[in-house]
């Protein structure tokens, strides 16, 4: 007598995305860098905006699992809002610092160099977060393979024989992209594919060019003067 095969219910293993702590650590570093800026180039007391952003980061860290899939849409919107807020405050500081330099500020040249370096480093972190949150719908969507349309073309996508078959970019990959774009003012080994990615990289290159070309160079002239 034939034995009837009983179909066993399929149990899908939970898909775990990449760990969120590197991005959260990067946000914390960006907040600390912002808090170190002189009060003359910050909006309000130097501790005010970093403190508010830190409270938002703490709330996100408490409500976000170590690895998350799927990501709650409201939590992702809050994360994007925090990145935008840090980006706006850093850009505001750059505008104020540029204004001081163009108007012939008598501030210490070393202080200006330090402020320019802090703004530049914060800019690198901010855009790494932008790339990480925007590429293919964010880290949770990438882990779930919810979309096939990539915003960035990483070398590993064309050289699959040199990496794991399931390779996906993590935050450190986007941090590297941001660092090289901020120093070369153009893409290096990772190419932007979509208008969003090209816009973000273009804006970052422009901010980095202003920071290095105007702020740091002018501060060096003050030191030599």
C-alpha atoms as a PDB file:
ATOM      1  CA  UNK A   1       0.000   0.000   0.000  1.00  0.00           C
ATOM      2  CA  UNK A   2       1.401   3.327  -1.053  1.00  0.00           C
ATOM      3  CA  UNK A   3       2.200   5.681   1.723  1.00  0.00           C
ATOM      4  CA  UNK A   4       0.696   9.067   1.203  1.00  0.00           C
ATOM      5  CA  UNK A   5       3.234  11.805   1.414  1.00  0.00           C
ATOM      6  CA  UNK A   6       2.210  14.462   3.864  1.00  0.00           C
ATOM      7  CA  UNK A   7       3.167  17.957   2.823  1.00  0.00           C
ATOM      8  CA  UNK A   8       5.020  19.637   5.603  1.00  0.00           C
ATOM      9  CA  UNK A   9       4.321  23.328   6.101  1.00  0.00           C
ATOM     10  CA  UNK A  10       7.135  25.436   4.862  1.00  0.00           C
ATOM     11  CA  UNK A  11       8.795  27.442   7.571  1.00  0.00           C
ATOM     12  CA  UNK A  12      10.655  30.418   6.236  1.00  0.00           C
ATOM     13  CA  UNK A  13      13.751  31.360   8.152  1.00  0.00           C
ATOM     14  CA  UNK A  14      13.760  34.962   9.247  1.00  0.00           C
ATOM     15  CA  UNK A  15      15.789  37.128   6.955  1.00  0.00           C
ATOM     16  CA  UNK A  16      18.191  39.143   9.011  1.00  0.00           C
ATOM     17  CA  UNK A  17      19.543  42.355   7.608  1.00  0.00           C
ATOM     18  CA  UNK A  18      22.948  43.800   8.291  1.00  0.00           C
ATOM     19  CA  UNK A  19      23.689  45.045  11.822  1.00  0.00           C
ATOM     20  CA  UNK A  20      22.639  48.624  12.433  1.00  0.00           C
ATOM     21  CA  UNK A  21      25.277  49.525  15.016  1.00  0.00           C
ATOM     22  CA  UNK A  22      27.918  50.816  12.519  1.00  0.00           C
ATOM     23  CA  UNK A  23      25.467  53.388  11.170  1.00  0.00           C
ATOM     24  CA  UNK A  24      24.309  54.320  14.663  1.00  0.00           C
ATOM     25  CA  UNK A  25      27.928  54.712  15.760  1.00  0.00           C
ATOM     26  CA  UNK A  26      28.587  56.924  12.732  1.00  0.00           C
ATOM     27  CA  UNK A  27      25.660  59.155  13.692  1.00  0.00           C
ATOM     28  CA  UNK A  28      27.032  59.441  17.219  1.00  0.00           C
ATOM     29  CA  UNK A  29      30.453  60.446  15.871  1.00  0.00           C
ATOM     30  CA  UNK A  30      28.828  63.070  13.629  1.00  0.00           C
ATOM     31  CA  UNK A  31      26.975  64.518  16.627  1.00  0.00           C
ATOM     32  CA  UNK A  32      30.185  64.674  18.660  1.00  0.00           C
ATOM     33  CA  UNK A  33      31.974  66.442  15.794  1.00  0.00           C
ATOM     34  CA  UNK A  34      29.138  68.973  15.577  1.00  0.00           C
ATOM     35  CA  UNK A  35      29.349  69.615  19.306  1.00  0.00           C
ATOM     36  CA  UNK A  36      33.056  70.478  18.942  1.00  0.00           C
ATOM     37  CA  UNK A  37      32.386  73.337  16.499  1.00  0.00           C
ATOM     38  CA  UNK A  38      32.893  76.902  17.792  1.00  0.00           C
ATOM     39  CA  UNK A  39      29.731  78.681  18.915  1.00  0.00           C
ATOM     40  CA  UNK A  40      30.238  81.362  16.218  1.00  0.00           C
ATOM     41  CA  UNK A  41      29.411  78.873  13.482  1.00  0.00           C
ATOM     42  CA  UNK A  42      26.548  76.991  15.108  1.00  0.00           C
ATOM     43  CA  UNK A  43      22.836  77.672  15.348  1.00  0.00           C
ATOM     44  CA  UNK A  44      22.183  78.390  19.003  1.00  0.00           C
ATOM     45  CA  UNK A  45      24.358  76.917  21.778  1.00  0.00           C
ATOM     46  CA  UNK A  46      26.819  74.308  20.438  1.00  0.00           C
ATOM     47  CA  UNK A  47      25.172  71.570  22.513  1.00  0.00           C
ATOM     48  CA  UNK A  48      21.536  72.313  21.548  1.00  0.00           C
ATOM     49  CA  UNK A  49      21.122  70.642  18.141  1.00  0.00           C
ATOM     50  CA  UNK A  50      23.535  67.742  18.851  1.00  0.00           C
ATOM     51  CA  UNK A  51      21.601  67.152  22.070  1.00  0.00           C
ATOM     52  CA  UNK A  52      18.243  67.030  20.282  1.00  0.00           C
ATOM     53  CA  UNK A  53      19.656  64.804  17.550  1.00  0.00           C
ATOM     54  CA  UNK A  54      21.223  62.588  20.204  1.00  0.00           C
ATOM     55  CA  UNK A  55      17.843  62.110  21.870  1.00  0.00           C
ATOM     56  CA  UNK A  56      16.369  61.085  18.518  1.00  0.00           C
ATOM     57  CA  UNK A  57      19.273  58.689  17.946  1.00  0.00           C
ATOM     58  CA  UNK A  58      18.731  57.169  21.383  1.00  0.00           C
ATOM     59  CA  UNK A  59      15.060  56.609  20.629  1.00  0.00           C
ATOM     60  CA  UNK A  60      15.891  54.947  17.311  1.00  0.00           C
ATOM     61  CA  UNK A  61      18.568  52.778  18.908  1.00  0.00           C
ATOM     62  CA  UNK A  62      16.149  51.576  21.578  1.00  0.00           C
ATOM     63  CA  UNK A  63      13.363  50.751  19.090  1.00  0.00           C
ATOM     64  CA  UNK A  64      15.593  49.231  16.405  1.00  0.00           C
ATOM     65  CA  UNK A  65      16.616  45.563  16.724  1.00  0.00           C
ATOM     66  CA  UNK A  66      20.249  44.600  16.268  1.00  0.00           C
ATOM     67  CA  UNK A  67      19.349  43.239  12.853  1.00  0.00           C
ATOM     68  CA  UNK A  68      16.076  44.172  11.254  1.00  0.00           C
ATOM     69  CA  UNK A  69      13.883  42.846   8.476  1.00  0.00           C
ATOM     70  CA  UNK A  70      11.453  44.176   7.631  1.00  0.00           C
ATOM     71  CA  UNK A  71      12.115  47.705   8.823  1.00  0.00           C
ATOM     72  CA  UNK A  72       9.164  49.673  10.143  1.00  0.00           C
ATOM     73  CA  UNK A  73       8.368  52.550   7.717  1.00  0.00           C
ATOM     74  CA  UNK A  74       7.939  55.117  10.502  1.00  0.00           C
ATOM     75  CA  UNK A  75      11.295  54.202  11.993  1.00  0.00           C
ATOM     76  CA  UNK A  76      12.971  54.614   8.604  1.00  0.00           C
ATOM     77  CA  UNK A  77      11.328  58.003   8.115  1.00  0.00           C
ATOM     78  CA  UNK A  78      12.577  59.104  11.519  1.00  0.00           C
ATOM     79  CA  UNK A  79      16.092  57.963  10.591  1.00  0.00           C
ATOM     80  CA  UNK A  80      15.969  59.897   7.306  1.00  0.00           C
ATOM     81  CA  UNK A  81      14.681  62.965   9.169  1.00  0.00           C
ATOM     82  CA  UNK A  82      17.619  62.740  11.580  1.00  0.00           C
ATOM     83  CA  UNK A  83      20.114  62.483   8.698  1.00  0.00           C
ATOM     84  CA  UNK A  84      18.501  65.496   7.003  1.00  0.00           C
ATOM     85  CA  UNK A  85      18.664  67.492  10.240  1.00  0.00           C
ATOM     86  CA  UNK A  86      22.363  66.746  10.750  1.00  0.00           C
ATOM     87  CA  UNK A  87      22.997  67.579   7.081  1.00  0.00           C
ATOM     88  CA  UNK A  88      21.188  70.925   7.380  1.00  0.00           C
ATOM     89  CA  UNK A  89      23.025  71.960  10.549  1.00  0.00           C
ATOM     90  CA  UNK A  90      26.393  71.006   9.071  1.00  0.00           C
ATOM     91  CA  UNK A  91      25.661  72.974   5.902  1.00  0.00           C
ATOM     92  CA  UNK A  92      24.564  75.949   8.028  1.00  0.00           C
ATOM     93  CA  UNK A  93      27.882  75.811   9.887  1.00  0.00           C
ATOM     94  CA  UNK A  94      29.750  75.758   6.572  1.00  0.00           C
ATOM     95  CA  UNK A  95      27.867  78.850   5.384  1.00  0.00           C
ATOM     96  CA  UNK A  96      28.681  80.721   8.600  1.00  0.00           C
ATOM     97  CA  UNK A  97      32.331  79.705   8.480  1.00  0.00           C
ATOM     98  CA  UNK A  98      32.621  80.737   4.829  1.00  0.00           C
ATOM     99  CA  UNK A  99      31.051  84.088   5.664  1.00  0.00           C
ATOM    100  CA  UNK A 100      33.619  84.681   8.409  1.00  0.00           C
ATOM    101  CA  UNK A 101      36.469  83.897   6.038  1.00  0.00           C
ATOM    102  CA  UNK A 102      35.153  86.005   3.141  1.00  0.00           C
ATOM    103  CA  UNK A 103      34.684  88.979   5.459  1.00  0.00           C
ATOM    104  CA  UNK A 104      38.269  88.792   6.653  1.00  0.00           C
ATOM    105  CA  UNK A 105      37.721  87.312  10.082  1.00  0.00           C
ATOM    106  CA  UNK A 106      40.587  87.768  12.525  1.00  0.00           C
ATOM    107  CA  UNK A 107      39.879  84.424  14.161  1.00  0.00           C
ATOM    108  CA  UNK A 108      42.740  82.061  14.829  1.00  0.00           C
ATOM    109  CA  UNK A 109      43.876  80.261  11.702  1.00  0.00           C
ATOM    110  CA  UNK A 110      44.273  77.024  13.629  1.00  0.00           C
ATOM    111  CA  UNK A 111      40.687  77.288  14.887  1.00  0.00           C
ATOM    112  CA  UNK A 112      39.443  77.805  11.336  1.00  0.00           C
ATOM    113  CA  UNK A 113      41.398  74.800  10.049  1.00  0.00           C
ATOM    114  CA  UNK A 114      39.990  72.679  12.869  1.00  0.00           C
ATOM    115  CA  UNK A 115      36.443  73.845  12.166  1.00  0.00           C
ATOM    116  CA  UNK A 116      36.832  73.141   8.449  1.00  0.00           C
ATOM    117  CA  UNK A 117      38.160  69.646   9.170  1.00  0.00           C
ATOM    118  CA  UNK A 118      35.255  68.912  11.525  1.00  0.00           C
ATOM    119  CA  UNK A 119      32.719  70.057   8.923  1.00  0.00           C
ATOM    120  CA  UNK A 120      34.428  67.986   6.208  1.00  0.00           C
ATOM    121  CA  UNK A 121      34.509  64.828   8.333  1.00  0.00           C
ATOM    122  CA  UNK A 122      30.878  65.299   9.316  1.00  0.00           C
ATOM    123  CA  UNK A 123      30.015  65.698   5.640  1.00  0.00           C
ATOM    124  CA  UNK A 124      31.673  62.352   4.846  1.00  0.00           C
ATOM    125  CA  UNK A 125      29.623  60.596   7.532  1.00  0.00           C
ATOM    126  CA  UNK A 126      26.362  62.296   6.540  1.00  0.00           C
ATOM    127  CA  UNK A 127      26.543  61.249   2.915  1.00  0.00           C
ATOM    128  CA  UNK A 128      27.593  57.730   3.823  1.00  0.00           C
ATOM    129  CA  UNK A 129      24.317  57.585   5.759  1.00  0.00           C
ATOM    130  CA  UNK A 130      22.419  59.036   2.787  1.00  0.00           C
ATOM    131  CA  UNK A 131      23.870  56.405   0.435  1.00  0.00           C
ATOM    132  CA  UNK A 132      23.203  53.613   2.930  1.00  0.00           C
ATOM    133  CA  UNK A 133      19.561  54.636   3.448  1.00  0.00           C
ATOM    134  CA  UNK A 134      18.761  55.387  -0.201  1.00  0.00           C
ATOM    135  CA  UNK A 135      20.362  52.552  -2.175  1.00  0.00           C
ATOM    136  CA  UNK A 136      17.660  50.061  -3.232  1.00  0.00           C
ATOM    137  CA  UNK A 137      15.232  51.268  -0.590  1.00  0.00           C
ATOM    138  CA  UNK A 138      17.500  50.973   2.436  1.00  0.00           C
ATOM    139  CA  UNK A 139      19.235  48.166   4.345  1.00  0.00           C
ATOM    140  CA  UNK A 140      16.110  46.155   5.128  1.00  0.00           C
ATOM    141  CA  UNK A 141      14.931  46.178   1.504  1.00  0.00           C
ATOM    142  CA  UNK A 142      18.393  45.130   0.329  1.00  0.00           C
ATOM    143  CA  UNK A 143      18.428  42.232   2.782  1.00  0.00           C
ATOM    144  CA  UNK A 144      14.996  41.091   1.570  1.00  0.00           C
ATOM    145  CA  UNK A 145      15.856  41.646  -2.110  1.00  0.00           C
ATOM    146  CA  UNK A 146      12.639  43.661  -2.427  1.00  0.00           C
ATOM    147  CA  UNK A 147      13.973  45.563  -5.429  1.00  0.00           C
ATOM    148  CA  UNK A 148      16.318  44.750  -8.282  1.00  0.00           C
ATOM    149  CA  UNK A 149      17.078  48.350  -9.277  1.00  0.00           C
ATOM    150  CA  UNK A 150      20.367  49.393  -7.724  1.00  0.00           C
ATOM    151  CA  UNK A 151      21.297  53.038  -7.210  1.00  0.00           C
ATOM    152  CA  UNK A 152      25.025  52.258  -7.022  1.00  0.00           C
ATOM    153  CA  UNK A 153      27.119  49.825  -9.046  1.00  0.00           C
ATOM    154  CA  UNK A 154      29.756  48.297  -6.783  1.00  0.00           C
ATOM    155  CA  UNK A 155      32.725  46.390  -8.279  1.00  0.00           C
ATOM    156  CA  UNK A 156      31.544  43.199  -6.552  1.00  0.00           C
ATOM    157  CA  UNK A 157      28.421  43.228  -8.717  1.00  0.00           C
ATOM    158  CA  UNK A 158      30.529  42.679 -11.844  1.00  0.00           C
ATOM    159  CA  UNK A 159      33.235  40.552 -10.201  1.00  0.00           C
ATOM    160  CA  UNK A 160      31.102  37.927  -8.507  1.00  0.00           C
ATOM    161  CA  UNK A 161      33.834  35.305  -8.734  1.00  0.00           C
ATOM    162  CA  UNK A 162      35.779  37.288  -6.137  1.00  0.00           C
ATOM    163  CA  UNK A 163      33.040  37.642  -3.519  1.00  0.00           C
ATOM    164  CA  UNK A 164      30.273  35.625  -1.902  1.00  0.00           C
ATOM    165  CA  UNK A 165      27.215  34.892  -4.102  1.00  0.00           C
ATOM    166  CA  UNK A 166      24.948  36.604  -1.573  1.00  0.00           C
ATOM    167  CA  UNK A 167      27.126  39.710  -1.234  1.00  0.00           C
ATOM    168  CA  UNK A 168      25.339  42.977  -0.519  1.00  0.00           C
ATOM    169  CA  UNK A 169      26.915  46.302   0.440  1.00  0.00           C
ATOM    170  CA  UNK A 170      27.037  47.248   4.114  1.00  0.00           C
ATOM    171  CA  UNK A 171      27.486  50.606   5.798  1.00  0.00           C
ATOM    172  CA  UNK A 172      31.283  50.419   5.581  1.00  0.00           C
ATOM    173  CA  UNK A 173      31.022  50.114   1.792  1.00  0.00           C
ATOM    174  CA  UNK A 174      28.961  53.305   1.636  1.00  0.00           C
ATOM    175  CA  UNK A 175      31.354  55.051   4.026  1.00  0.00           C
ATOM    176  CA  UNK A 176      34.204  54.207   1.658  1.00  0.00           C
ATOM    177  CA  UNK A 177      32.212  55.551  -1.305  1.00  0.00           C
ATOM    178  CA  UNK A 178      31.556  58.768   0.601  1.00  0.00           C
ATOM    179  CA  UNK A 179      35.198  59.180   1.604  1.00  0.00           C
ATOM    180  CA  UNK A 180      36.550  58.686  -1.915  1.00  0.00           C
ATOM    181  CA  UNK A 181      33.902  60.965  -3.416  1.00  0.00           C
ATOM    182  CA  UNK A 182      34.745  63.693  -0.884  1.00  0.00           C
ATOM    183  CA  UNK A 183      38.470  63.520  -1.697  1.00  0.00           C
ATOM    184  CA  UNK A 184      38.352  62.951  -5.471  1.00  0.00           C
ATOM    185  CA  UNK A 185      35.221  65.113  -6.087  1.00  0.00           C
ATOM    186  CA  UNK A 186      34.017  62.339  -8.406  1.00  0.00           C
ATOM    187  CA  UNK A 187      33.117  58.625  -8.342  1.00  0.00           C
ATOM    188  CA  UNK A 188      36.031  56.226  -8.092  1.00  0.00           C
ATOM    189  CA  UNK A 189      35.281  52.489  -8.218  1.00  0.00           C
ATOM    190  CA  UNK A 190      31.541  52.716  -7.442  1.00  0.00           C
ATOM    191  CA  UNK A 191      29.310  54.313 -10.056  1.00  0.00           C
ATOM    192  CA  UNK A 192      25.997  56.139  -9.428  1.00  0.00           C
ATOM    193  CA  UNK A 193      23.223  54.716 -11.621  1.00  0.00           C
ATOM    194  CA  UNK A 194      20.095  56.694 -10.757  1.00  0.00           C
ATOM    195  CA  UNK A 195      19.323  60.437 -10.690  1.00  0.00           C
ATOM    196  CA  UNK A 196      19.073  60.248  -6.896  1.00  0.00           C
ATOM    197  CA  UNK A 197      22.527  58.722  -6.500  1.00  0.00           C
ATOM    198  CA  UNK A 198      24.055  61.173  -8.981  1.00  0.00           C
ATOM    199  CA  UNK A 199      22.417  64.113  -7.212  1.00  0.00           C
ATOM    200  CA  UNK A 200      23.667  63.025  -3.797  1.00  0.00           C
ATOM    201  CA  UNK A 201      27.215  62.487  -5.034  1.00  0.00           C
ATOM    202  CA  UNK A 202      27.180  65.801  -6.880  1.00  0.00           C
ATOM    203  CA  UNK A 203      25.992  67.719  -3.812  1.00  0.00           C
ATOM    204  CA  UNK A 204      28.589  66.038  -1.632  1.00  0.00           C
ATOM    205  CA  UNK A 205      31.379  66.842  -4.088  1.00  0.00           C
ATOM    206  CA  UNK A 206      30.307  70.499  -4.182  1.00  0.00           C
ATOM    207  CA  UNK A 207      30.207  70.789  -0.375  1.00  0.00           C
ATOM    208  CA  UNK A 208      33.573  69.060  -0.073  1.00  0.00           C
ATOM    209  CA  UNK A 209      35.100  71.328  -2.728  1.00  0.00           C
ATOM    210  CA  UNK A 210      33.894  74.450  -0.913  1.00  0.00           C
ATOM    211  CA  UNK A 211      35.142  73.152   2.428  1.00  0.00           C
ATOM    212  CA  UNK A 212      38.605  72.209   1.204  1.00  0.00           C
ATOM    213  CA  UNK A 213      39.075  74.890  -1.445  1.00  0.00           C
ATOM    214  CA  UNK A 214      37.697  77.903   0.425  1.00  0.00           C
ATOM    215  CA  UNK A 215      37.737  77.230   4.135  1.00  0.00           C
ATOM    216  CA  UNK A 216      40.946  75.229   4.589  1.00  0.00           C
ATOM    217  CA  UNK A 217      42.927  77.196   1.974  1.00  0.00           C
ATOM    218  CA  UNK A 218      41.844  80.532   3.478  1.00  0.00           C
ATOM    219  CA  UNK A 219      42.729  79.344   6.954  1.00  0.00           C
ATOM    220  CA  UNK A 220      46.214  78.378   5.767  1.00  0.00           C
ATOM    221  CA  UNK A 221      46.618  81.889   4.351  1.00  0.00           C
ATOM    222  CA  UNK A 222      45.669  83.324   7.742  1.00  0.00           C
ATOM    223  CA  UNK A 223      48.351  81.179   9.381  1.00  0.00           C
ATOM    224  CA  UNK A 224      50.963  82.379   6.897  1.00  0.00           C
ATOM    225  CA  UNK A 225      49.865  85.999   7.190  1.00  0.00           C
END
